[in-house]
Structures are given as structure tokens and as C-alpha cells.
Amino acid sequence: MTSVPKSGLVVTAHPGDFVWRAGGAIALHAAKGYRLKIVCLSYGERGESQWAWKSAGVRLEDVKAQRRAEAEEAAAILGAEIEFFDVGDYPLRVGEAELDRLVDVYRELNPAFVLTHALEDPYNFDHPVAAHLAQEARVIAQAAGHKPDHERRYSAPPVFLFEPHQPEQCNFKPQVILNIDSVWATKQRAFRVLAAQRHLWDYYERVALNRGVQGGRNSGTAMTYGEAYQRLFPMAAEVLS
């Protein structure tokens, strides 16, 4: 009997979010043989594409096409699949169709973990909307009476919130620091694809360096680059060491 590889799901509001904040985790688990899927709710065409709008005469459809191409290339570099919901951004609005599709994704993928946005972000309301959708779909997917299918196996996975742009303002608690040294070069390559947001390249390298210092201090093991996550649910354990 062929074993099914483990998988991970990333629910992101905009294309850049999964690269800046979770690119290391995606690349790290892809390298370990996990199937990684990104659900990208929008192309970030209005509020997350500053450099794309600097060209004279640029149209919304042009920006969307550029951001889609960037996101697809970045996902491929990281080793992930990507699916777009194209619900727009600034504002990002999701409906029953998107919720229903994401429930199906959970059941099809049966992820070992989920990565998504922090629950609060006073600077970007799209992000909490994405986080809420990820969690609501996670809960509905485990309901036996929702599209009953007794052949399908699904277990509600742990959820890790990735670091927002200004964590102190978002009540973000960095409870997990993931060592991404082995995949930093891959994540940086994905950075360079996001030309529409190149003003953030250096910023997120500094974030990774800072978290690397903190990760090394807390683990006692040298770490250069890290990614911070907050667990949404308790971790069940038999020992505390």
C-alpha cells in the first residue's frame, strides 16, 4: 500500500504574504517531502502592488496578471502548489462559494498543519478576514454532516499564525521560531520574484535575521535565519522536555 505524503496548507490574503512570512516553512517542508498547497485569496492588485502601479497607463487587469505570474513563480521556487480565489483586495471580501471551496481543500488535502495570518491587524483588514476564513473552513471540514463522505479521512490540523508586518500592534506572540537556515537561499530567491513589492525585500531579511538571533538564544543552537509563528491551539504532549 502506497503511503500518502504529509501535507501543509497555507491560506494567504495576498501573494507577498506567503513569501515574506511563511516562505521558509513552505520550502523546508517541501524539501522533506510534504505536499504544500497555498490558497491565495487575492492577487493583491490594489493595495499590495505599489511598484506595479508606477507605470503610466497601467490597468487593473495588467497588475493582476503581473501579480499572478509572480505568485506562481514564487510558489514554484518554494516547492508549493497554488490556487487563486480572486476575490479582490482593499477590500477583500469572501462569500459562501469561497468558504465551501476551502472546506473542500481541507478535506482533499487533509493537512498536517495550517499557516495563516494573525487574528488582528489594524493596518490591514484583509489579513484577519483570511485568518477567519481559514479557521471557519477548518471547523466546518470536520463536521460529519457537511457533505457526508464516510470514505474520506480528515483530522482538524494545528494552526500556526505567521508573523504580521508590525507584530506588536497585532497582539502577535512568537511562540515558535522555525530555523530556516537550510532554505534561506530558496526563500530569498522567491523574494526577488516579487518585483511589485521590492521595497520589502531588505525589510524581511532583517526580520529573519532578528528571529534567527532569538531562535538561537532560546534553543541553545546556532541559528542565522528564523520565522516566527504563534500557535492557535494548545499542543498536546506526554512530556515537557
Protein backbone atom coordinates (compact mmCIF):
# COMPACT_ATOMS: atom_id res chain seq x y z
CA MET A 1 0.00 0.00 0.00
CA THR A 2 1.43 3.35 -1.05
CA SER A 3 1.64 5.84 1.81
CA VAL A 4 0.21 9.31 1.25
CA PRO A 5 2.79 12.05 1.88
CA LYS A 6 2.09 14.53 4.63
CA SER A 7 0.81 17.91 3.54
CA GLY A 8 0.54 21.51 4.67
CA LEU A 9 -1.92 24.27 3.81
CA VAL A 10 -1.22 28.00 3.63
CA VAL A 11 -4.17 30.42 3.50
CA THR A 12 -2.96 33.88 2.49
CA ALA A 13 -4.69 37.13 1.63
CA HIS A 14 -2.13 38.36 -0.91
CA PRO A 15 0.75 36.90 -2.94
CA GLY A 16 3.56 38.52 -0.96
CA ASP A 17 2.29 37.32 2.40
CA PHE A 18 3.13 33.66 1.91
CA VAL A 19 6.65 34.53 0.74
CA TRP A 20 7.67 37.11 3.36
CA ARG A 21 6.13 35.35 6.34
CA ALA A 22 5.98 31.64 5.57
CA GLY A 23 8.33 31.05 2.63
CA GLY A 24 10.86 29.32 4.86
CA ALA A 25 8.32 26.92 6.35
CA ILE A 26 6.95 26.14 2.90
CA ALA A 27 10.37 25.42 1.40
CA LEU A 28 11.54 23.49 4.46
CA HIS A 29 8.59 21.10 4.49
CA ALA A 30 8.55 20.75 0.70
CA ALA A 31 12.20 19.64 0.92
CA LYS A 32 11.13 17.00 3.46
CA GLY A 33 8.62 15.56 1.01
CA TYR A 34 5.45 17.29 2.20
CA ARG A 35 2.84 18.35 -0.32
CA LEU A 36 2.36 22.10 0.21
CA LYS A 37 -0.67 23.96 -1.08
CA ILE A 38 -1.19 27.71 -0.99
CA VAL A 39 -4.68 29.19 -1.23
CA CYS A 40 -4.19 32.81 -2.25
CA LEU A 41 -7.41 34.75 -1.82
CA SER A 42 -6.46 37.74 -3.99
CA TYR A 43 -3.73 38.95 -6.32
CA GLY A 44 -3.07 41.94 -4.07
CA GLU A 45 -3.77 44.06 -7.09
CA ARG A 46 -4.98 47.22 -5.38
CA GLY A 47 -3.14 47.65 -2.12
CA GLU A 48 -0.22 45.22 -2.29
CA SER A 49 1.37 46.17 -5.62
CA GLN A 50 2.93 49.58 -5.13
CA TRP A 51 5.65 49.32 -7.77
CA ALA A 52 3.31 47.83 -10.37
CA TRP A 53 1.18 50.99 -10.27
CA LYS A 54 4.10 53.32 -11.01
CA SER A 55 3.95 52.65 -14.76
CA ALA A 56 1.92 55.17 -16.75
CA GLY A 57 -1.34 53.83 -18.12
CA VAL A 58 -1.26 50.61 -16.16
CA ARG A 59 -4.64 48.87 -15.83
CA LEU A 60 -6.06 46.75 -13.04
CA GLU A 61 -6.03 43.66 -15.23
CA ASP A 62 -2.34 44.27 -16.00
CA VAL A 63 -1.46 44.40 -12.32
CA LYS A 64 -3.48 41.26 -11.60
CA ALA A 65 -1.67 39.40 -14.39
CA GLN A 66 1.72 40.53 -13.08
CA ARG A 67 0.96 39.53 -9.51
CA ARG A 68 -0.44 36.16 -10.55
CA ALA A 69 2.71 35.43 -12.54
CA GLU A 70 4.90 36.49 -9.62
CA ALA A 71 2.94 34.36 -7.15
CA GLU A 72 3.05 31.29 -9.38
CA GLU A 73 6.80 31.61 -9.87
CA ALA A 74 7.44 32.20 -6.16
CA ALA A 75 5.29 29.19 -5.20
CA ALA A 76 7.18 27.01 -7.69
CA ILE A 77 10.53 28.13 -6.25
CA LEU A 78 9.34 27.23 -2.74
CA GLY A 79 8.01 23.86 -3.93
CA ALA A 80 4.29 24.50 -3.49
CA GLU A 81 1.05 24.34 -5.45
CA ILE A 82 -1.07 27.48 -5.55
CA GLU A 83 -4.78 28.12 -6.10
CA PHE A 84 -6.25 31.60 -6.51
CA PHE A 85 -9.72 32.62 -5.35
CA ASP A 86 -9.53 36.10 -6.95
CA VAL A 87 -11.86 37.85 -4.50
CA GLY A 88 -10.07 41.21 -4.73
CA ASP A 89 -8.22 43.15 -2.07
CA TYR A 90 -8.60 46.51 -0.31
CA PRO A 91 -11.24 45.40 0.44
CA LEU A 92 -11.02 41.61 0.48
CA ARG A 93 -14.47 40.03 0.61
CA VAL A 94 -15.23 36.32 0.74
CA GLY A 95 -18.60 34.62 0.34
CA GLU A 96 -20.22 31.22 0.68
CA ALA A 97 -18.63 29.92 -2.52
CA GLU A 98 -15.11 30.63 -1.24
CA LEU A 99 -15.86 29.12 2.16
CA ASP A 100 -17.28 26.00 0.53
CA ARG A 101 -14.27 25.63 -1.75
CA LEU A 102 -11.82 25.99 1.14
CA VAL A 103 -13.69 23.33 3.12
CA ASP A 104 -13.21 21.02 0.15
CA VAL A 105 -9.49 21.88 0.06
CA TYR A 106 -9.14 20.88 3.72
CA ARG A 107 -10.80 17.56 3.10
CA GLU A 108 -8.92 16.85 -0.13
CA LEU A 109 -5.53 17.75 1.36
CA ASN A 110 -6.01 16.65 4.99
CA PRO A 111 -3.13 18.93 6.01
CA ALA A 112 -0.82 18.14 8.90
CA PHE A 113 -0.69 21.87 9.67
CA VAL A 114 -2.14 25.20 8.52
CA LEU A 115 -0.33 28.51 8.21
CA THR A 116 -2.30 31.74 8.04
CA HIS A 117 -2.44 35.35 9.21
CA ALA A 118 -2.61 36.77 12.72
CA LEU A 119 -6.08 37.26 14.15
CA GLU A 120 -5.67 41.03 14.40
CA ASP A 121 -4.11 43.63 12.13
CA PRO A 122 -5.20 47.28 12.49
CA TYR A 123 -3.11 48.17 9.43
CA ASN A 124 -4.63 45.65 7.03
CA PHE A 125 -8.16 44.32 7.43
CA ASP A 126 -7.67 41.79 4.62
CA HIS A 127 -5.39 39.72 6.84
CA PRO A 128 -7.84 38.93 9.68
CA VAL A 129 -10.51 38.15 7.06
CA ALA A 130 -8.19 35.50 5.60
CA ALA A 131 -7.41 34.12 9.07
CA HIS A 132 -11.12 33.88 9.92
CA LEU A 133 -11.88 32.08 6.67
CA ALA A 134 -9.06 29.59 7.27
CA GLN A 135 -10.37 28.76 10.73
CA GLU A 136 -14.05 28.60 9.84
CA ALA A 137 -13.33 26.21 6.97
CA ARG A 138 -11.14 24.10 9.26
CA VAL A 139 -14.04 23.66 11.69
CA ILE A 140 -16.70 23.00 9.05
CA ALA A 141 -14.50 20.41 7.35
CA GLN A 142 -14.62 18.21 10.47
CA ALA A 143 -18.43 18.30 10.65
CA ALA A 144 -19.68 14.81 9.78
CA GLY A 145 -22.94 16.19 8.43
CA HIS A 146 -21.33 18.63 5.99
CA LYS A 147 -21.26 16.88 2.60
CA PRO A 148 -21.19 13.45 4.28
CA ASP A 149 -18.45 11.23 2.90
CA HIS A 150 -17.64 8.23 5.06
CA GLU A 151 -14.69 7.24 2.88
CA ARG A 152 -12.81 10.48 3.42
CA ARG A 153 -10.40 10.87 6.32
CA TYR A 154 -9.95 14.31 7.85
CA SER A 155 -8.46 15.47 11.12
CA ALA A 156 -8.59 19.14 12.10
CA PRO A 157 -4.95 20.28 11.95
CA PRO A 158 -2.96 22.59 14.23
CA VAL A 159 -2.91 26.21 13.09
CA PHE A 160 0.17 28.42 13.14
CA LEU A 161 -0.22 32.17 12.65
CA PHE A 162 2.67 33.71 10.74
CA GLU A 163 4.25 36.98 11.74
CA PRO A 164 2.45 40.20 10.73
CA HIS A 165 4.29 43.26 9.47
CA GLN A 166 4.03 45.07 12.82
CA PRO A 167 3.60 42.27 15.39
CA GLU A 168 3.38 44.49 18.47
CA GLN A 169 0.23 46.12 17.10
CA CYS A 170 -1.39 42.79 16.26
CA ASN A 171 -1.11 41.03 19.64
CA PHE A 172 1.20 38.52 17.99
CA LYS A 173 3.12 36.21 20.35
CA PRO A 174 6.13 34.49 18.73
CA GLN A 175 5.79 31.12 20.47
CA VAL A 176 7.58 29.11 17.78
CA ILE A 177 10.74 30.14 15.95
CA LEU A 178 11.45 27.92 12.99
CA ASN A 179 15.06 27.50 11.87
CA ILE A 180 15.10 28.21 8.13
CA ASP A 181 18.87 28.34 7.59
CA SER A 182 18.79 25.37 5.21
CA VAL A 183 16.23 27.02 2.92
CA TRP A 184 17.08 30.70 3.32
CA ALA A 185 18.61 30.91 -0.16
CA THR A 186 15.39 29.45 -1.60
CA LYS A 187 13.23 31.92 0.28
CA GLN A 188 15.43 34.80 -0.86
CA ARG A 189 15.07 33.67 -4.48
CA ALA A 190 11.31 33.80 -4.03
CA PHE A 191 11.67 37.34 -2.59
CA ARG A 192 13.33 38.51 -5.77
CA VAL A 193 10.38 37.39 -7.88
CA LEU A 194 8.07 39.88 -6.15
CA ALA A 195 9.08 42.93 -8.17
CA ALA A 196 5.82 44.74 -7.35
CA GLN A 197 6.90 44.82 -3.67
CA ARG A 198 10.67 45.10 -3.90
CA HIS A 199 10.68 47.77 -1.17
CA LEU A 200 10.09 44.88 1.29
CA TRP A 201 12.99 42.63 0.29
CA ASP A 202 15.51 44.06 2.75
CA TYR A 203 12.92 44.55 5.48
CA TYR A 204 12.01 40.88 5.62
CA GLU A 205 15.64 39.79 5.52
CA ARG A 206 16.15 41.87 8.68
CA VAL A 207 13.10 40.22 10.26
CA ALA A 208 14.53 36.76 9.50
CA LEU A 209 17.91 37.73 10.97
CA ASN A 210 16.30 39.06 14.15
CA ARG A 211 14.23 35.93 14.62
CA GLY A 212 17.33 33.84 13.98
CA VAL A 213 19.13 35.53 16.87
CA GLN A 214 16.13 34.96 19.13
CA GLY A 215 15.79 31.35 18.00
CA GLY A 216 19.42 30.63 18.77
CA ARG A 217 19.16 32.21 22.19
CA ASN A 218 16.05 30.22 23.10
CA SER A 219 17.24 26.89 21.73
CA GLY A 220 20.93 26.98 22.51
CA THR A 221 21.62 26.03 18.90
CA ALA A 222 23.15 28.49 16.46
CA MET A 223 20.58 29.89 14.04
CA THR A 224 21.02 32.68 11.48
CA TYR A 225 17.57 32.93 9.89
CA GLY A 226 14.24 32.24 11.55
CA GLU A 227 10.50 32.58 11.06
CA ALA A 228 8.17 33.28 13.97
CA TYR A 229 4.78 31.63 14.49
CA GLN A 230 2.04 31.72 17.08
CA ARG A 231 0.15 28.52 17.88
CA LEU A 232 -3.60 28.99 17.86
CA PHE A 233 -4.41 25.81 19.79
CA PRO A 234 -2.66 24.03 22.70
CA MET A 235 -0.08 21.39 21.92
CA ALA A 236 -0.89 18.01 23.48
CA ALA A 237 2.20 16.35 24.96
CA GLU A 238 3.25 13.50 27.23
CA VAL A 239 6.50 15.08 28.40
CA LEU A 240 7.60 18.72 28.61
CA SER A 241 11.24 18.29 27.60
